[in-house]
Amino acid sequence: MRRLRGEPSVATVPGQRSAAELLDAAHTRVAERRQLAEQVRAEARAKKLTALAADEEATWHEVENLVTRKQTARYDTATALLVQLRGACDHVGRGAEFRRRLAALRDQHRHLPGLLRRLDDRGLRG
């Protein structure tokens, strides 16, 4: 109001912050919290992927067991496992090995169009 009336501004009391300063500080804290939360999520995801990659053989075995049952619901589960395993293998640098094994799986079960369609839908082309 003083500015609009042309009156000189009142000097702020030392130790007090303006509303703009408080809002800036609040926005900074929110950004810092979001960044920290994102970092924690990324670390948890990396840990999960590393653990899954360490247990890769068991996951491949489980996928094979699910596929051999020849039930469409099992194909969905197997496909979901393969998507997770692809991420894990890419994370630890074994993506090429995963794609080779996926191509072998697709070739071995080429007579199962339901499985192949689900794999294609999830981008698992080998």
N, C-alpha and C. Protein backbone atom coordinates (compact mmCIF):
# COMPACT_ATOMS: atom_id res chain seq x y z
N MET A 1 0.82 -1.18 0.00
CA MET A 1 0.00 0.00 0.00
C MET A 1 0.87 1.25 0.00
N ARG A 2 1.95 1.22 0.76
CA ARG A 2 2.83 2.38 0.83
C ARG A 2 3.41 2.68 -0.55
N ARG A 3 3.76 1.63 -1.27
CA ARG A 3 4.34 1.82 -2.59
C ARG A 3 3.33 2.48 -3.51
N LEU A 4 2.08 2.06 -3.47
CA LEU A 4 1.06 2.64 -4.31
C LEU A 4 0.78 4.11 -3.95
N ARG A 5 0.86 4.42 -2.70
CA ARG A 5 0.63 5.81 -2.26
C ARG A 5 1.85 6.69 -2.51
N GLY A 6 2.97 6.08 -2.83
CA GLY A 6 4.18 6.86 -3.05
C GLY A 6 4.95 7.14 -1.80
N GLU A 7 4.62 6.48 -0.72
CA GLU A 7 5.32 6.68 0.54
C GLU A 7 6.58 5.82 0.55
N PRO A 8 7.58 6.22 1.28
CA PRO A 8 8.79 5.42 1.35
C PRO A 8 8.51 4.09 2.07
N SER A 9 9.22 3.04 1.65
CA SER A 9 9.00 1.73 2.26
C SER A 9 9.61 1.69 3.65
N VAL A 10 8.99 0.89 4.48
CA VAL A 10 9.48 0.73 5.84
C VAL A 10 10.58 -0.31 5.80
N ALA A 11 11.67 -0.03 6.43
CA ALA A 11 12.79 -0.98 6.48
C ALA A 11 12.34 -2.21 7.24
N THR A 12 12.70 -3.36 6.72
CA THR A 12 12.30 -4.60 7.40
C THR A 12 13.09 -4.74 8.68
N VAL A 13 12.46 -5.35 9.63
CA VAL A 13 13.08 -5.59 10.92
C VAL A 13 14.12 -6.68 10.75
N PRO A 14 15.32 -6.49 11.29
CA PRO A 14 16.34 -7.54 11.15
C PRO A 14 15.84 -8.87 11.72
N GLY A 15 16.10 -9.95 10.99
CA GLY A 15 15.69 -11.27 11.44
C GLY A 15 14.33 -11.69 10.91
N GLN A 16 13.59 -10.78 10.33
CA GLN A 16 12.30 -11.12 9.75
C GLN A 16 12.47 -11.29 8.24
N ARG A 17 11.67 -12.21 7.69
CA ARG A 17 11.74 -12.45 6.25
C ARG A 17 10.43 -12.02 5.61
N SER A 18 10.54 -11.63 4.38
CA SER A 18 9.33 -11.22 3.66
C SER A 18 8.57 -12.47 3.22
N ALA A 19 7.35 -12.27 2.78
CA ALA A 19 6.52 -13.38 2.30
C ALA A 19 7.18 -14.04 1.10
N ALA A 20 7.78 -13.25 0.22
CA ALA A 20 8.46 -13.81 -0.96
C ALA A 20 9.63 -14.69 -0.55
N GLU A 21 10.37 -14.25 0.45
CA GLU A 21 11.51 -15.06 0.92
C GLU A 21 11.03 -16.36 1.55
N LEU A 22 9.94 -16.29 2.30
CA LEU A 22 9.39 -17.49 2.91
C LEU A 22 8.89 -18.47 1.84
N LEU A 23 8.22 -17.95 0.81
CA LEU A 23 7.73 -18.81 -0.27
C LEU A 23 8.90 -19.43 -1.04
N ASP A 24 9.93 -18.65 -1.29
CA ASP A 24 11.11 -19.19 -1.98
C ASP A 24 11.75 -20.30 -1.16
N ALA A 25 11.85 -20.09 0.13
CA ALA A 25 12.44 -21.10 1.01
C ALA A 25 11.58 -22.37 1.02
N ALA A 26 10.26 -22.18 1.03
CA ALA A 26 9.35 -23.34 1.02
C ALA A 26 9.48 -24.12 -0.28
N HIS A 27 9.54 -23.41 -1.40
CA HIS A 27 9.69 -24.08 -2.70
C HIS A 27 11.03 -24.82 -2.78
N THR A 28 12.06 -24.23 -2.24
CA THR A 28 13.37 -24.88 -2.23
C THR A 28 13.34 -26.16 -1.42
N ARG A 29 12.69 -26.11 -0.26
CA ARG A 29 12.60 -27.30 0.59
C ARG A 29 11.79 -28.41 -0.09
N VAL A 30 10.70 -28.03 -0.76
CA VAL A 30 9.88 -29.02 -1.47
C VAL A 30 10.71 -29.67 -2.57
N ALA A 31 11.45 -28.87 -3.32
CA ALA A 31 12.29 -29.41 -4.39
C ALA A 31 13.36 -30.34 -3.83
N GLU A 32 13.96 -29.97 -2.71
CA GLU A 32 14.97 -30.81 -2.08
C GLU A 32 14.38 -32.14 -1.62
N ARG A 33 13.18 -32.08 -1.03
CA ARG A 33 12.52 -33.32 -0.58
C ARG A 33 12.19 -34.23 -1.76
N ARG A 34 11.69 -33.64 -2.84
CA ARG A 34 11.38 -34.44 -4.02
C ARG A 34 12.64 -35.09 -4.59
N GLN A 35 13.71 -34.33 -4.65
CA GLN A 35 14.97 -34.86 -5.17
C GLN A 35 15.48 -36.00 -4.29
N LEU A 36 15.39 -35.85 -3.00
CA LEU A 36 15.83 -36.90 -2.09
C LEU A 36 14.96 -38.14 -2.23
N ALA A 37 13.64 -37.94 -2.35
CA ALA A 37 12.74 -39.08 -2.52
C ALA A 37 13.03 -39.81 -3.82
N GLU A 38 13.30 -39.07 -4.87
CA GLU A 38 13.64 -39.68 -6.16
C GLU A 38 14.94 -40.46 -6.07
N GLN A 39 15.90 -39.92 -5.36
CA GLN A 39 17.18 -40.60 -5.18
C GLN A 39 16.98 -41.91 -4.40
N VAL A 40 16.16 -41.88 -3.37
CA VAL A 40 15.88 -43.08 -2.58
C VAL A 40 15.19 -44.13 -3.45
N ARG A 41 14.21 -43.70 -4.27
CA ARG A 41 13.52 -44.64 -5.17
C ARG A 41 14.48 -45.25 -6.18
N ALA A 42 15.37 -44.43 -6.72
CA ALA A 42 16.33 -44.93 -7.71
C ALA A 42 17.28 -45.94 -7.08
N GLU A 43 17.73 -45.67 -5.86
CA GLU A 43 18.61 -46.60 -5.17
C GLU A 43 17.90 -47.91 -4.86
N ALA A 44 16.63 -47.82 -4.44
CA ALA A 44 15.86 -49.03 -4.15
C ALA A 44 15.64 -49.85 -5.41
N ARG A 45 15.35 -49.18 -6.52
CA ARG A 45 15.15 -49.87 -7.79
C ARG A 45 16.45 -50.55 -8.24
N ALA A 46 17.56 -49.86 -8.11
CA ALA A 46 18.85 -50.44 -8.49
C ALA A 46 19.16 -51.67 -7.64
N LYS A 47 18.86 -51.58 -6.36
CA LYS A 47 19.10 -52.71 -5.46
C LYS A 47 18.23 -53.90 -5.85
N LYS A 48 16.96 -53.63 -6.17
CA LYS A 48 16.03 -54.68 -6.58
C LYS A 48 16.48 -55.33 -7.88
N LEU A 49 16.90 -54.50 -8.84
CA LEU A 49 17.35 -55.04 -10.13
C LEU A 49 18.61 -55.88 -9.97
N THR A 50 19.52 -55.44 -9.13
CA THR A 50 20.74 -56.20 -8.90
C THR A 50 20.42 -57.55 -8.25
N ALA A 51 19.49 -57.55 -7.30
CA ALA A 51 19.10 -58.80 -6.65
C ALA A 51 18.43 -59.74 -7.64
N LEU A 52 17.58 -59.21 -8.49
CA LEU A 52 16.91 -60.04 -9.49
C LEU A 52 17.91 -60.61 -10.48
N ALA A 53 18.88 -59.81 -10.89
CA ALA A 53 19.91 -60.28 -11.82
C ALA A 53 20.76 -61.37 -11.17
N ALA A 54 20.98 -61.28 -9.87
CA ALA A 54 21.76 -62.30 -9.18
C ALA A 54 21.02 -63.63 -9.15
N ASP A 55 19.70 -63.58 -9.22
CA ASP A 55 18.88 -64.79 -9.18
C ASP A 55 18.30 -65.07 -10.57
N GLU A 56 19.05 -64.73 -11.59
CA GLU A 56 18.57 -64.83 -12.97
C GLU A 56 18.19 -66.26 -13.37
N GLU A 57 18.99 -67.21 -13.02
CA GLU A 57 18.72 -68.60 -13.41
C GLU A 57 17.41 -69.10 -12.84
N ALA A 58 17.13 -68.77 -11.59
CA ALA A 58 15.88 -69.20 -10.97
C ALA A 58 14.68 -68.55 -11.69
N THR A 59 14.84 -67.32 -12.10
CA THR A 59 13.76 -66.64 -12.81
C THR A 59 13.52 -67.27 -14.17
N TRP A 60 14.60 -67.58 -14.89
CA TRP A 60 14.44 -68.26 -16.18
C TRP A 60 13.76 -69.61 -16.00
N HIS A 61 14.13 -70.32 -14.95
CA HIS A 61 13.52 -71.63 -14.67
C HIS A 61 12.02 -71.46 -14.39
N GLU A 62 11.68 -70.44 -13.61
CA GLU A 62 10.27 -70.20 -13.31
C GLU A 62 9.49 -69.83 -14.57
N VAL A 63 10.09 -69.02 -15.43
CA VAL A 63 9.44 -68.65 -16.70
C VAL A 63 9.19 -69.89 -17.53
N GLU A 64 10.19 -70.74 -17.62
CA GLU A 64 10.05 -71.98 -18.41
C GLU A 64 8.93 -72.86 -17.85
N ASN A 65 8.87 -72.97 -16.53
CA ASN A 65 7.79 -73.77 -15.91
C ASN A 65 6.42 -73.18 -16.20
N LEU A 66 6.31 -71.88 -16.16
CA LEU A 66 5.03 -71.23 -16.44
C LEU A 66 4.61 -71.43 -17.89
N VAL A 67 5.56 -71.34 -18.80
CA VAL A 67 5.25 -71.47 -20.23
C VAL A 67 4.84 -72.89 -20.57
N THR A 68 5.50 -73.87 -19.98
CA THR A 68 5.20 -75.26 -20.32
C THR A 68 3.82 -75.70 -19.84
N ARG A 69 3.20 -74.95 -18.94
CA ARG A 69 1.84 -75.30 -18.49
C ARG A 69 0.79 -74.97 -19.53
N LYS A 70 1.15 -74.13 -20.50
CA LYS A 70 0.28 -73.78 -21.62
C LYS A 70 -1.08 -73.26 -21.18
N GLN A 71 -1.03 -72.33 -20.23
CA GLN A 71 -2.24 -71.65 -19.77
C GLN A 71 -2.02 -70.15 -19.97
N THR A 72 -3.02 -69.51 -20.52
CA THR A 72 -2.85 -68.10 -20.88
C THR A 72 -2.54 -67.22 -19.67
N ALA A 73 -3.14 -67.50 -18.54
CA ALA A 73 -2.84 -66.70 -17.34
C ALA A 73 -1.37 -66.87 -16.94
N ARG A 74 -0.83 -68.04 -17.15
CA ARG A 74 0.58 -68.29 -16.84
C ARG A 74 1.49 -67.53 -17.81
N TYR A 75 1.03 -67.38 -19.06
CA TYR A 75 1.80 -66.61 -20.03
C TYR A 75 1.94 -65.16 -19.56
N ASP A 76 0.88 -64.62 -19.01
CA ASP A 76 0.93 -63.23 -18.51
C ASP A 76 1.95 -63.11 -17.38
N THR A 77 1.96 -64.07 -16.48
CA THR A 77 2.91 -64.05 -15.38
C THR A 77 4.33 -64.20 -15.90
N ALA A 78 4.53 -65.12 -16.82
CA ALA A 78 5.86 -65.32 -17.39
C ALA A 78 6.36 -64.07 -18.10
N THR A 79 5.46 -63.42 -18.83
CA THR A 79 5.83 -62.20 -19.55
C THR A 79 6.21 -61.10 -18.57
N ALA A 80 5.46 -60.96 -17.50
CA ALA A 80 5.78 -59.95 -16.49
C ALA A 80 7.15 -60.21 -15.87
N LEU A 81 7.44 -61.47 -15.60
CA LEU A 81 8.76 -61.83 -15.06
C LEU A 81 9.86 -61.49 -16.06
N LEU A 82 9.61 -61.75 -17.33
CA LEU A 82 10.63 -61.46 -18.35
C LEU A 82 10.87 -59.96 -18.49
N VAL A 83 9.84 -59.17 -18.35
CA VAL A 83 10.02 -57.71 -18.41
C VAL A 83 10.91 -57.26 -17.26
N GLN A 84 10.66 -57.78 -16.07
CA GLN A 84 11.49 -57.43 -14.92
C GLN A 84 12.92 -57.91 -15.11
N LEU A 85 13.05 -59.12 -15.63
CA LEU A 85 14.38 -59.69 -15.83
C LEU A 85 15.15 -58.91 -16.89
N ARG A 86 14.46 -58.45 -17.92
CA ARG A 86 15.13 -57.63 -18.95
C ARG A 86 15.73 -56.38 -18.31
N GLY A 87 14.95 -55.72 -17.48
CA GLY A 87 15.46 -54.53 -16.79
C GLY A 87 16.65 -54.84 -15.91
N ALA A 88 16.58 -55.97 -15.21
CA ALA A 88 17.68 -56.37 -14.33
C ALA A 88 18.94 -56.68 -15.13
N CYS A 89 18.78 -57.41 -16.21
CA CYS A 89 19.94 -57.76 -17.03
C CYS A 89 20.55 -56.53 -17.69
N ASP A 90 19.72 -55.62 -18.14
CA ASP A 90 20.24 -54.38 -18.70
C ASP A 90 20.98 -53.58 -17.64
N HIS A 91 20.48 -53.61 -16.42
CA HIS A 91 21.08 -52.87 -15.31
C HIS A 91 22.49 -53.36 -15.01
N VAL A 92 22.69 -54.66 -15.06
CA VAL A 92 24.01 -55.21 -14.72
C VAL A 92 24.88 -55.48 -15.94
N GLY A 93 24.41 -55.08 -17.11
CA GLY A 93 25.23 -55.21 -18.31
C GLY A 93 25.16 -56.56 -19.01
N ARG A 94 24.10 -57.32 -18.74
CA ARG A 94 23.94 -58.62 -19.40
C ARG A 94 22.73 -58.63 -20.32
N GLY A 95 22.44 -57.49 -20.92
CA GLY A 95 21.29 -57.37 -21.80
C GLY A 95 21.39 -58.25 -23.03
N ALA A 96 22.59 -58.37 -23.59
CA ALA A 96 22.78 -59.19 -24.79
C ALA A 96 22.51 -60.67 -24.48
N GLU A 97 22.96 -61.12 -23.33
CA GLU A 97 22.71 -62.51 -22.92
C GLU A 97 21.21 -62.75 -22.73
N PHE A 98 20.52 -61.77 -22.14
CA PHE A 98 19.07 -61.89 -21.97
C PHE A 98 18.38 -62.03 -23.32
N ARG A 99 18.75 -61.17 -24.27
CA ARG A 99 18.11 -61.21 -25.59
C ARG A 99 18.39 -62.52 -26.31
N ARG A 100 19.58 -63.07 -26.11
CA ARG A 100 19.91 -64.36 -26.72
C ARG A 100 19.01 -65.46 -26.14
N ARG A 101 18.87 -65.46 -24.83
CA ARG A 101 18.03 -66.48 -24.19
C ARG A 101 16.56 -66.29 -24.53
N LEU A 102 16.14 -65.05 -24.65
CA LEU A 102 14.76 -64.77 -25.03
C LEU A 102 14.49 -65.27 -26.45
N ALA A 103 15.43 -65.04 -27.36
CA ALA A 103 15.27 -65.53 -28.73
C ALA A 103 15.17 -67.05 -28.75
N ALA A 104 15.97 -67.72 -27.91
CA ALA A 104 15.91 -69.19 -27.83
C ALA A 104 14.56 -69.64 -27.27
N LEU A 105 14.05 -68.92 -26.27
CA LEU A 105 12.74 -69.24 -25.69
C LEU A 105 11.65 -69.07 -26.74
N ARG A 106 11.70 -67.97 -27.48
CA ARG A 106 10.70 -67.74 -28.52
C ARG A 106 10.77 -68.82 -29.59
N ASP A 107 11.98 -69.20 -29.97
CA ASP A 107 12.14 -70.24 -30.99
C ASP A 107 11.61 -71.59 -30.49
N GLN A 108 11.92 -71.89 -29.24
CA GLN A 108 11.49 -73.16 -28.66
C GLN A 108 9.96 -73.25 -28.57
N HIS A 109 9.31 -72.12 -28.34
CA HIS A 109 7.85 -72.11 -28.16
C HIS A 109 7.16 -71.35 -29.29
N ARG A 110 7.69 -71.45 -30.49
CA ARG A 110 7.11 -70.73 -31.64
C ARG A 110 5.72 -71.24 -32.00
N HIS A 111 5.35 -72.41 -31.50
CA HIS A 111 4.02 -72.98 -31.77
C HIS A 111 2.95 -72.47 -30.78
N LEU A 112 3.31 -71.54 -29.91
CA LEU A 112 2.38 -70.99 -28.93
C LEU A 112 2.08 -69.53 -29.27
N PRO A 113 1.10 -69.29 -30.14
CA PRO A 113 0.84 -67.91 -30.58
C PRO A 113 0.40 -66.98 -29.44
N GLY A 114 -0.28 -67.51 -28.44
CA GLY A 114 -0.70 -66.68 -27.31
C GLY A 114 0.50 -66.13 -26.55
N LEU A 115 1.48 -66.97 -26.35
CA LEU A 115 2.71 -66.54 -25.67
C LEU A 115 3.45 -65.52 -26.52
N LEU A 116 3.62 -65.82 -27.79
CA LEU A 116 4.37 -64.92 -28.67
C LEU A 116 3.70 -63.55 -28.78
N ARG A 117 2.38 -63.53 -28.82
CA ARG A 117 1.66 -62.26 -28.88
C ARG A 117 1.90 -61.45 -27.63
N ARG A 118 1.85 -62.11 -26.48
CA ARG A 118 2.09 -61.41 -25.22
C ARG A 118 3.52 -60.87 -25.15
N LEU A 119 4.46 -61.66 -25.61
CA LEU A 119 5.85 -61.20 -25.63
C LEU A 119 6.00 -59.99 -26.54
N ASP A 120 5.38 -60.05 -27.72
CA ASP A 120 5.43 -58.93 -28.65
C ASP A 120 4.79 -57.68 -28.08
N ASP A 121 3.66 -57.86 -27.39
CA ASP A 121 2.95 -56.73 -26.81
C ASP A 121 3.80 -55.99 -25.77
N ARG A 122 4.67 -56.72 -25.10
CA ARG A 122 5.53 -56.12 -24.07
C ARG A 122 6.92 -55.75 -24.59
N GLY A 123 7.11 -55.86 -25.89
CA GLY A 123 8.39 -55.47 -26.49
C GLY A 123 9.50 -56.48 -26.27
N LEU A 124 9.14 -57.73 -26.02
CA LEU A 124 10.12 -58.79 -25.79
C LEU A 124 10.31 -59.56 -27.10
N ARG A 125 11.09 -59.01 -27.98
CA ARG A 125 11.25 -59.60 -29.30
C ARG A 125 12.56 -60.37 -29.44
N GLY A 126 13.41 -60.33 -28.48
CA GLY A 126 14.65 -61.11 -28.55
C GLY A 126 15.71 -60.50 -29.29
